[in-house]
Amino acid sequence: MKYDYVFKLNCVELYKNGRWHETPEGIGQKNFRKRITTWVKIADLHGIDALKHPTTCTEYTVEERYALVARVLAGESQKKCYNKC
């Protein structure tokens, strides 16, 4: 299920005020709350605009892709490599 930016923003604000947004129909409460905490972490790390859906795909040069693959092969997790981009 995809959520729009305004919905995510509302969920994050409620969470920071000590409340939870009502769980939508068709998703478990535990999974939905975990998703909200993930949105909060993303907003804290990268700013609230990071919750918006990307409008374009990121284009990487061959050298940048090679460097990312080399970091993963060296043992760094894909998630950490992505966050540092």
C-alpha atoms as a PDB file:
ATOM      1  CA  MET A   1       0.000   0.000   0.000  1.00  0.00           C
ATOM      2  CA  LYS A   2       1.390   3.423  -0.945  1.00  0.00           C
ATOM      3  CA  TYR A   3       0.781   6.530   1.098  1.00  0.00           C
ATOM      4  CA  ASP A   4       0.931  10.107  -0.122  1.00  0.00           C
ATOM      5  CA  TYR A   5       3.212  12.772   1.321  1.00  0.00           C
ATOM      6  CA  VAL A   6       0.481  14.552   3.313  1.00  0.00           C
ATOM      7  CA  PHE A   7      -0.592  11.298   4.978  1.00  0.00           C
ATOM      8  CA  LYS A   8       3.006  10.460   5.929  1.00  0.00           C
ATOM      9  CA  LEU A   9       3.555  13.979   7.247  1.00  0.00           C
ATOM     10  CA  ASN A  10       0.414  13.730   9.378  1.00  0.00           C
ATOM     11  CA  CYS A  11       1.509  10.342  10.781  1.00  0.00           C
ATOM     12  CA  VAL A  12       4.981  11.686  11.661  1.00  0.00           C
ATOM     13  CA  GLU A  13       3.553  14.770  13.392  1.00  0.00           C
ATOM     14  CA  LEU A  14       1.115  12.667  15.426  1.00  0.00           C
ATOM     15  CA  TYR A  15       3.921  10.291  16.423  1.00  0.00           C
ATOM     16  CA  LYS A  16       6.125  13.162  17.575  1.00  0.00           C
ATOM     17  CA  ASN A  17       3.200  14.414  19.694  1.00  0.00           C
ATOM     18  CA  GLY A  18       2.944  11.009  21.379  1.00  0.00           C
ATOM     19  CA  ARG A  19      -0.057   9.694  19.449  1.00  0.00           C
ATOM     20  CA  TRP A  20      -0.579   7.127  16.690  1.00  0.00           C
ATOM     21  CA  HIS A  21      -2.550   7.601  13.500  1.00  0.00           C
ATOM     22  CA  GLU A  22      -5.489   5.228  13.153  1.00  0.00           C
ATOM     23  CA  THR A  23      -4.407   2.043  11.398  1.00  0.00           C
ATOM     24  CA  PRO A  24      -5.850   1.845   7.860  1.00  0.00           C
ATOM     25  CA  GLU A  25      -7.998  -1.094   6.916  1.00  0.00           C
ATOM     26  CA  GLY A  26      -6.139  -3.987   5.339  1.00  0.00           C
ATOM     27  CA  ILE A  27      -2.848  -3.632   7.229  1.00  0.00           C
ATOM     28  CA  GLY A  28      -1.852  -4.926  10.641  1.00  0.00           C
ATOM     29  CA  GLN A  29      -1.338  -2.446  13.451  1.00  0.00           C
ATOM     30  CA  LYS A  30       2.181  -3.686  14.206  1.00  0.00           C
ATOM     31  CA  ASN A  31       3.295  -3.337  10.569  1.00  0.00           C
ATOM     32  CA  PHE A  32       1.713   0.091  10.191  1.00  0.00           C
ATOM     33  CA  ARG A  33       3.335   1.432  13.359  1.00  0.00           C
ATOM     34  CA  LYS A  34       6.705   0.076  12.260  1.00  0.00           C
ATOM     35  CA  ARG A  35       6.230   1.911   8.959  1.00  0.00           C
ATOM     36  CA  ILE A  36       5.492   5.150  10.838  1.00  0.00           C
ATOM     37  CA  THR A  37       8.661   4.822  12.937  1.00  0.00           C
ATOM     38  CA  THR A  38      10.598   4.266   9.705  1.00  0.00           C
ATOM     39  CA  TRP A  39       9.118   7.478   8.265  1.00  0.00           C
ATOM     40  CA  VAL A  40      10.117   9.334  11.440  1.00  0.00           C
ATOM     41  CA  LYS A  41      13.708   8.098  11.131  1.00  0.00           C
ATOM     42  CA  ILE A  42      13.831   9.076   7.452  1.00  0.00           C
ATOM     43  CA  ALA A  43      12.467  12.541   8.246  1.00  0.00           C
ATOM     44  CA  ASP A  44      14.988  13.011  11.068  1.00  0.00           C
ATOM     45  CA  LEU A  45      17.944  11.872   8.954  1.00  0.00           C
ATOM     46  CA  HIS A  46      17.142  13.431   5.596  1.00  0.00           C
ATOM     47  CA  GLY A  47      14.495  16.061   6.276  1.00  0.00           C
ATOM     48  CA  ILE A  48      10.743  15.962   5.897  1.00  0.00           C
ATOM     49  CA  ASP A  49      10.948  16.282   2.096  1.00  0.00           C
ATOM     50  CA  ALA A  50      12.546  12.830   1.953  1.00  0.00           C
ATOM     51  CA  LEU A  51       9.068  11.386   2.558  1.00  0.00           C
ATOM     52  CA  LYS A  52       7.932  12.615  -0.858  1.00  0.00           C
ATOM     53  CA  HIS A  53       7.827  10.162  -3.731  1.00  0.00           C
ATOM     54  CA  PRO A  54      10.764  10.699  -6.091  1.00  0.00           C
ATOM     55  CA  THR A  55       9.791  12.353  -9.338  1.00  0.00           C
ATOM     56  CA  THR A  56      12.777  11.048 -11.276  1.00  0.00           C
ATOM     57  CA  CYS A  57      15.198   8.184 -10.972  1.00  0.00           C
ATOM     58  CA  THR A  58      18.738   8.964  -9.907  1.00  0.00           C
ATOM     59  CA  GLU A  59      21.246   8.640 -12.711  1.00  0.00           C
ATOM     60  CA  TYR A  60      24.675   7.328 -11.703  1.00  0.00           C
ATOM     61  CA  THR A  61      27.786   7.348 -13.849  1.00  0.00           C
ATOM     62  CA  VAL A  62      29.658   4.122 -14.481  1.00  0.00           C
ATOM     63  CA  GLU A  63      32.328   5.205 -11.999  1.00  0.00           C
ATOM     64  CA  GLU A  64      29.758   5.930  -9.280  1.00  0.00           C
ATOM     65  CA  ARG A  65      28.073   2.557  -9.794  1.00  0.00           C
ATOM     66  CA  TYR A  66      31.429   0.793  -9.679  1.00  0.00           C
ATOM     67  CA  ALA A  67      32.318   2.574  -6.421  1.00  0.00           C
ATOM     68  CA  LEU A  68      28.999   1.553  -4.833  1.00  0.00           C
ATOM     69  CA  VAL A  69      29.402  -2.084  -5.899  1.00  0.00           C
ATOM     70  CA  ALA A  70      32.976  -2.108  -4.582  1.00  0.00           C
ATOM     71  CA  ARG A  71      31.775  -0.849  -1.186  1.00  0.00           C
ATOM     72  CA  VAL A  72      29.141  -3.596  -0.997  1.00  0.00           C
ATOM     73  CA  LEU A  73      31.671  -6.254  -1.987  1.00  0.00           C
ATOM     74  CA  ALA A  74      33.987  -4.893   0.722  1.00  0.00           C
ATOM     75  CA  GLY A  75      31.326  -5.742   3.306  1.00  0.00           C
ATOM     76  CA  GLU A  76      29.319  -2.541   3.699  1.00  0.00           C
ATOM     77  CA  SER A  77      25.549  -3.036   3.600  1.00  0.00           C
ATOM     78  CA  GLN A  78      23.565  -1.856   0.603  1.00  0.00           C
ATOM     79  CA  LYS A  79      21.401   0.280   2.865  1.00  0.00           C
ATOM     80  CA  LYS A  80      24.405   2.129   4.312  1.00  0.00           C
ATOM     81  CA  CYS A  81      25.825   2.691   0.840  1.00  0.00           C
ATOM     82  CA  TYR A  82      22.498   4.082  -0.339  1.00  0.00           C
ATOM     83  CA  ASN A  83      22.148   6.427   2.658  1.00  0.00           C
ATOM     84  CA  LYS A  84      25.598   7.911   2.011  1.00  0.00           C
ATOM     85  CA  CYS A  85      24.819   8.774  -1.628  1.00  0.00           C
END
